Amino acid sequence: MSTRDERILQALVELKPVDIKLVNDSHKHAGHTQHLGGAGFTGDTHYKLQIVSDLFKGVSRIDRQRMVMDLLKPEFASGLHALEIKARSPEEV
C-alpha cells in the first residue's frame, strides 16, 4: 500500500509538473480532531504543495487550485483535511 504522500504525487503527474514540492505539515495539527480519526489514524491530514506546470499558463489562481483539488478528491474522501496550494506557471517562478 502506498503512502498518502506517494498517492498525492502520483495523482498530480497528470498536471505534468516541471517542479513539485509536497510537505506533510500534519505534525503541526496533532491536537485537531481531524488529525487522526479522519485519515485512518495515520495523521497524514495537512499538507503544503508548491507545483509549477506549463498547464497553468493563462489559468486563474482559482482554476489552478481547482485543477489540483479535482485530482485529489479521493484523498480528501479518505481523510486529507487541508492542502495549502501554490500553483504557478514556469514564467511566474
N, C-alpha and C. Protein backbone atom coordinates (compact mmCIF):
# COMPACT_ATOMS: atom_id res chain seq x y z
N MET A 1 0.85 -1.20 0.00
CA MET A 1 0.00 0.00 0.00
C MET A 1 0.89 1.25 0.00
N SER A 2 0.53 2.22 -0.80
CA SER A 2 1.33 3.44 -0.89
C SER A 2 0.93 4.43 0.20
N THR A 3 1.81 5.35 0.47
CA THR A 3 1.53 6.38 1.46
C THR A 3 0.71 7.50 0.82
N ARG A 4 0.10 8.33 1.65
CA ARG A 4 -0.66 9.46 1.11
C ARG A 4 0.26 10.36 0.29
N ASP A 5 1.47 10.59 0.76
CA ASP A 5 2.41 11.43 0.01
C ASP A 5 2.60 10.88 -1.41
N GLU A 6 2.83 9.59 -1.52
CA GLU A 6 3.04 8.96 -2.82
C GLU A 6 1.79 9.06 -3.69
N ARG A 7 0.63 8.85 -3.11
CA ARG A 7 -0.62 8.93 -3.87
C ARG A 7 -0.88 10.35 -4.37
N ILE A 8 -0.60 11.34 -3.54
CA ILE A 8 -0.78 12.73 -3.96
C ILE A 8 0.14 13.04 -5.13
N LEU A 9 1.41 12.71 -4.99
CA LEU A 9 2.37 13.00 -6.07
C LEU A 9 2.00 12.26 -7.35
N GLN A 10 1.55 11.02 -7.22
CA GLN A 10 1.16 10.25 -8.40
C GLN A 10 -0.05 10.88 -9.09
N ALA A 11 -1.03 11.33 -8.32
CA ALA A 11 -2.22 11.96 -8.90
C ALA A 11 -1.86 13.24 -9.65
N LEU A 12 -0.87 13.97 -9.14
CA LEU A 12 -0.52 15.26 -9.73
C LEU A 12 0.35 15.13 -10.98
N VAL A 13 0.80 13.93 -11.31
CA VAL A 13 1.57 13.69 -12.53
C VAL A 13 0.77 14.14 -13.75
N GLU A 14 -0.55 14.04 -13.66
CA GLU A 14 -1.42 14.44 -14.76
C GLU A 14 -1.24 15.92 -15.14
N LEU A 15 -0.79 16.73 -14.19
CA LEU A 15 -0.56 18.16 -14.46
C LEU A 15 0.81 18.42 -15.08
N LYS A 16 1.58 17.37 -15.30
CA LYS A 16 2.91 17.46 -15.93
C LYS A 16 3.79 18.52 -15.25
N PRO A 17 3.99 18.40 -13.95
CA PRO A 17 4.78 19.42 -13.25
C PRO A 17 6.24 19.43 -13.70
N VAL A 18 6.78 20.64 -13.82
CA VAL A 18 8.22 20.78 -14.08
C VAL A 18 8.96 20.92 -12.75
N ASP A 19 8.22 21.22 -11.70
CA ASP A 19 8.77 21.27 -10.34
C ASP A 19 7.61 21.03 -9.37
N ILE A 20 7.90 20.28 -8.32
CA ILE A 20 6.86 19.99 -7.34
C ILE A 20 7.50 19.76 -5.98
N LYS A 21 6.87 20.31 -4.96
CA LYS A 21 7.33 20.11 -3.59
C LYS A 21 6.10 19.88 -2.72
N LEU A 22 6.10 18.77 -2.00
CA LEU A 22 4.99 18.42 -1.12
C LEU A 22 5.55 18.26 0.28
N VAL A 23 4.96 18.98 1.23
CA VAL A 23 5.40 18.93 2.62
C VAL A 23 4.25 18.47 3.50
N ASN A 24 4.47 17.44 4.28
CA ASN A 24 3.48 16.96 5.23
C ASN A 24 3.61 17.79 6.50
N ASP A 25 2.62 18.62 6.76
CA ASP A 25 2.60 19.51 7.93
C ASP A 25 1.69 18.98 9.04
N SER A 26 1.33 17.73 8.97
CA SER A 26 0.35 17.16 9.90
C SER A 26 0.78 17.26 11.36
N HIS A 27 2.08 17.17 11.61
CA HIS A 27 2.57 17.23 12.99
C HIS A 27 2.21 18.54 13.68
N LYS A 28 2.01 19.60 12.90
CA LYS A 28 1.65 20.90 13.47
C LYS A 28 0.18 20.94 13.90
N HIS A 29 -0.58 19.92 13.54
CA HIS A 29 -2.01 19.90 13.81
C HIS A 29 -2.41 18.69 14.65
N ALA A 30 -1.49 18.20 15.43
CA ALA A 30 -1.71 16.96 16.19
C ALA A 30 -2.89 17.05 17.15
N GLY A 31 -3.27 18.22 17.59
CA GLY A 31 -4.38 18.35 18.53
C GLY A 31 -5.74 18.44 17.86
N HIS A 32 -5.77 18.57 16.53
CA HIS A 32 -7.04 18.70 15.82
C HIS A 32 -7.75 17.35 15.74
N THR A 33 -9.05 17.39 15.80
CA THR A 33 -9.86 16.17 15.71
C THR A 33 -9.56 15.42 14.42
N GLN A 34 -9.39 16.14 13.31
CA GLN A 34 -9.18 15.50 12.02
C GLN A 34 -7.80 14.88 11.88
N HIS A 35 -6.89 15.20 12.79
CA HIS A 35 -5.51 14.74 12.64
C HIS A 35 -5.40 13.23 12.53
N LEU A 36 -6.13 12.51 13.30
CA LEU A 36 -6.01 11.05 13.28
C LEU A 36 -7.26 10.35 12.76
N GLY A 37 -8.40 10.62 13.33
CA GLY A 37 -9.59 9.85 13.03
C GLY A 37 -10.01 9.83 11.57
N GLY A 38 -9.91 10.95 10.89
CA GLY A 38 -10.37 11.01 9.52
C GLY A 38 -9.39 10.47 8.51
N ALA A 39 -8.20 10.14 8.92
CA ALA A 39 -7.18 9.69 7.97
C ALA A 39 -6.72 8.28 8.28
N GLY A 40 -7.62 7.45 8.73
CA GLY A 40 -7.24 6.07 9.02
C GLY A 40 -6.20 5.98 10.11
N PHE A 41 -6.20 6.96 11.00
CA PHE A 41 -5.28 7.00 12.14
C PHE A 41 -3.82 7.10 11.73
N THR A 42 -3.56 7.67 10.54
CA THR A 42 -2.18 7.85 10.09
C THR A 42 -1.66 9.23 10.46
N GLY A 43 -2.55 10.21 10.64
CA GLY A 43 -2.13 11.57 10.92
C GLY A 43 -1.73 12.33 9.68
N ASP A 44 -1.85 11.73 8.50
CA ASP A 44 -1.49 12.39 7.25
C ASP A 44 -2.67 13.23 6.75
N THR A 45 -2.85 14.40 7.36
CA THR A 45 -4.05 15.19 7.12
C THR A 45 -3.80 16.59 6.58
N HIS A 46 -2.62 17.16 6.81
CA HIS A 46 -2.34 18.55 6.45
C HIS A 46 -1.06 18.63 5.61
N TYR A 47 -1.18 19.25 4.44
CA TYR A 47 -0.04 19.34 3.53
C TYR A 47 0.10 20.73 2.94
N LYS A 48 1.32 21.02 2.48
CA LYS A 48 1.60 22.21 1.68
C LYS A 48 2.16 21.73 0.34
N LEU A 49 1.66 22.34 -0.73
CA LEU A 49 2.07 21.94 -2.07
C LEU A 49 2.53 23.16 -2.86
N GLN A 50 3.69 23.03 -3.48
CA GLN A 50 4.16 24.01 -4.46
C GLN A 50 4.33 23.24 -5.76
N ILE A 51 3.64 23.68 -6.79
CA ILE A 51 3.68 22.99 -8.07
C ILE A 51 3.82 24.00 -9.20
N VAL A 52 4.70 23.67 -10.14
CA VAL A 52 4.94 24.51 -11.31
C VAL A 52 4.62 23.67 -12.53
N SER A 53 3.77 24.20 -13.41
CA SER A 53 3.38 23.46 -14.60
C SER A 53 3.06 24.41 -15.74
N ASP A 54 3.41 24.00 -16.96
CA ASP A 54 3.04 24.77 -18.14
C ASP A 54 1.52 24.82 -18.31
N LEU A 55 0.82 23.85 -17.75
CA LEU A 55 -0.64 23.81 -17.87
C LEU A 55 -1.31 24.95 -17.11
N PHE A 56 -0.58 25.65 -16.27
CA PHE A 56 -1.14 26.77 -15.52
C PHE A 56 -1.04 28.10 -16.26
N LYS A 57 -0.38 28.11 -17.42
CA LYS A 57 -0.25 29.35 -18.20
C LYS A 57 -1.63 29.86 -18.58
N GLY A 58 -1.90 31.13 -18.28
CA GLY A 58 -3.16 31.75 -18.65
C GLY A 58 -4.37 31.28 -17.85
N VAL A 59 -4.15 30.53 -16.78
CA VAL A 59 -5.23 30.00 -15.96
C VAL A 59 -5.28 30.78 -14.65
N SER A 60 -6.45 31.14 -14.21
CA SER A 60 -6.59 31.92 -12.97
C SER A 60 -6.13 31.10 -11.76
N ARG A 61 -5.83 31.80 -10.69
CA ARG A 61 -5.38 31.15 -9.45
C ARG A 61 -6.44 30.17 -8.95
N ILE A 62 -7.68 30.58 -8.99
CA ILE A 62 -8.78 29.71 -8.52
C ILE A 62 -8.90 28.46 -9.39
N ASP A 63 -8.80 28.63 -10.70
CA ASP A 63 -8.91 27.47 -11.59
C ASP A 63 -7.70 26.53 -11.44
N ARG A 64 -6.54 27.08 -11.15
CA ARG A 64 -5.36 26.23 -10.90
C ARG A 64 -5.60 25.37 -9.66
N GLN A 65 -6.09 26.01 -8.61
CA GLN A 65 -6.37 25.27 -7.38
C GLN A 65 -7.45 24.23 -7.62
N ARG A 66 -8.43 24.57 -8.42
CA ARG A 66 -9.50 23.62 -8.75
C ARG A 66 -8.93 22.41 -9.50
N MET A 67 -7.98 22.65 -10.40
CA MET A 67 -7.35 21.56 -11.15
C MET A 67 -6.67 20.58 -10.18
N VAL A 68 -5.96 21.13 -9.20
CA VAL A 68 -5.28 20.29 -8.21
C VAL A 68 -6.30 19.56 -7.34
N MET A 69 -7.26 20.29 -6.83
CA MET A 69 -8.24 19.70 -5.92
C MET A 69 -9.05 18.59 -6.59
N ASP A 70 -9.39 18.77 -7.86
CA ASP A 70 -10.16 17.74 -8.56
C ASP A 70 -9.37 16.43 -8.63
N LEU A 71 -8.07 16.52 -8.83
CA LEU A 71 -7.25 15.31 -8.90
C LEU A 71 -7.11 14.63 -7.54
N LEU A 72 -7.30 15.39 -6.48
CA LEU A 72 -7.09 14.84 -5.14
C LEU A 72 -8.39 14.53 -4.39
N LYS A 73 -9.50 14.50 -5.07
CA LYS A 73 -10.78 14.18 -4.43
C LYS A 73 -10.73 12.87 -3.65
N PRO A 74 -10.12 11.81 -4.19
CA PRO A 74 -10.06 10.56 -3.41
C PRO A 74 -9.29 10.72 -2.09
N GLU A 75 -8.28 11.56 -2.08
CA GLU A 75 -7.51 11.77 -0.86
C GLU A 75 -8.33 12.53 0.18
N PHE A 76 -9.09 13.52 -0.27
CA PHE A 76 -9.94 14.25 0.66
C PHE A 76 -11.04 13.34 1.20
N ALA A 77 -11.52 12.44 0.36
CA ALA A 77 -12.55 11.49 0.80
C ALA A 77 -12.01 10.50 1.82
N SER A 78 -10.69 10.29 1.82
CA SER A 78 -10.10 9.31 2.74
C SER A 78 -9.33 9.95 3.90
N GLY A 79 -9.57 11.24 4.16
CA GLY A 79 -9.01 11.83 5.37
C GLY A 79 -8.07 13.01 5.19
N LEU A 80 -7.65 13.33 3.96
CA LEU A 80 -6.87 14.55 3.77
C LEU A 80 -7.78 15.71 4.18
N HIS A 81 -7.29 16.55 5.06
CA HIS A 81 -8.13 17.60 5.64
C HIS A 81 -7.81 18.98 5.09
N ALA A 82 -6.52 19.27 4.88
CA ALA A 82 -6.13 20.62 4.46
C ALA A 82 -4.95 20.55 3.51
N LEU A 83 -5.02 21.39 2.46
CA LEU A 83 -3.95 21.46 1.48
C LEU A 83 -3.74 22.91 1.10
N GLU A 84 -2.57 23.43 1.42
CA GLU A 84 -2.19 24.78 1.01
C GLU A 84 -1.52 24.66 -0.35
N ILE A 85 -2.06 25.36 -1.36
CA ILE A 85 -1.58 25.19 -2.73
C ILE A 85 -0.97 26.48 -3.25
N LYS A 86 0.24 26.36 -3.80
CA LYS A 86 0.86 27.44 -4.57
C LYS A 86 1.13 26.83 -5.95
N ALA A 87 0.30 27.20 -6.91
CA ALA A 87 0.39 26.67 -8.25
C ALA A 87 0.78 27.80 -9.21
N ARG A 88 1.90 27.61 -9.92
CA ARG A 88 2.41 28.66 -10.80
C ARG A 88 2.86 28.08 -12.13
N SER A 89 2.92 28.93 -13.12
CA SER A 89 3.50 28.56 -14.40
C SER A 89 5.01 28.81 -14.30
N PRO A 90 5.81 28.23 -15.21
CA PRO A 90 7.27 28.45 -15.14
C PRO A 90 7.66 29.93 -15.22
N GLU A 91 6.91 30.71 -15.95
CA GLU A 91 7.23 32.15 -16.08
C GLU A 91 7.02 32.91 -14.77
N GLU A 92 6.24 32.37 -13.89
CA GLU A 92 5.93 33.06 -12.63
C GLU A 92 6.90 32.70 -11.52
N VAL A 93 7.76 31.76 -11.76
CA VAL A 93 8.69 31.31 -10.72
C VAL A 93 9.84 32.29 -10.61
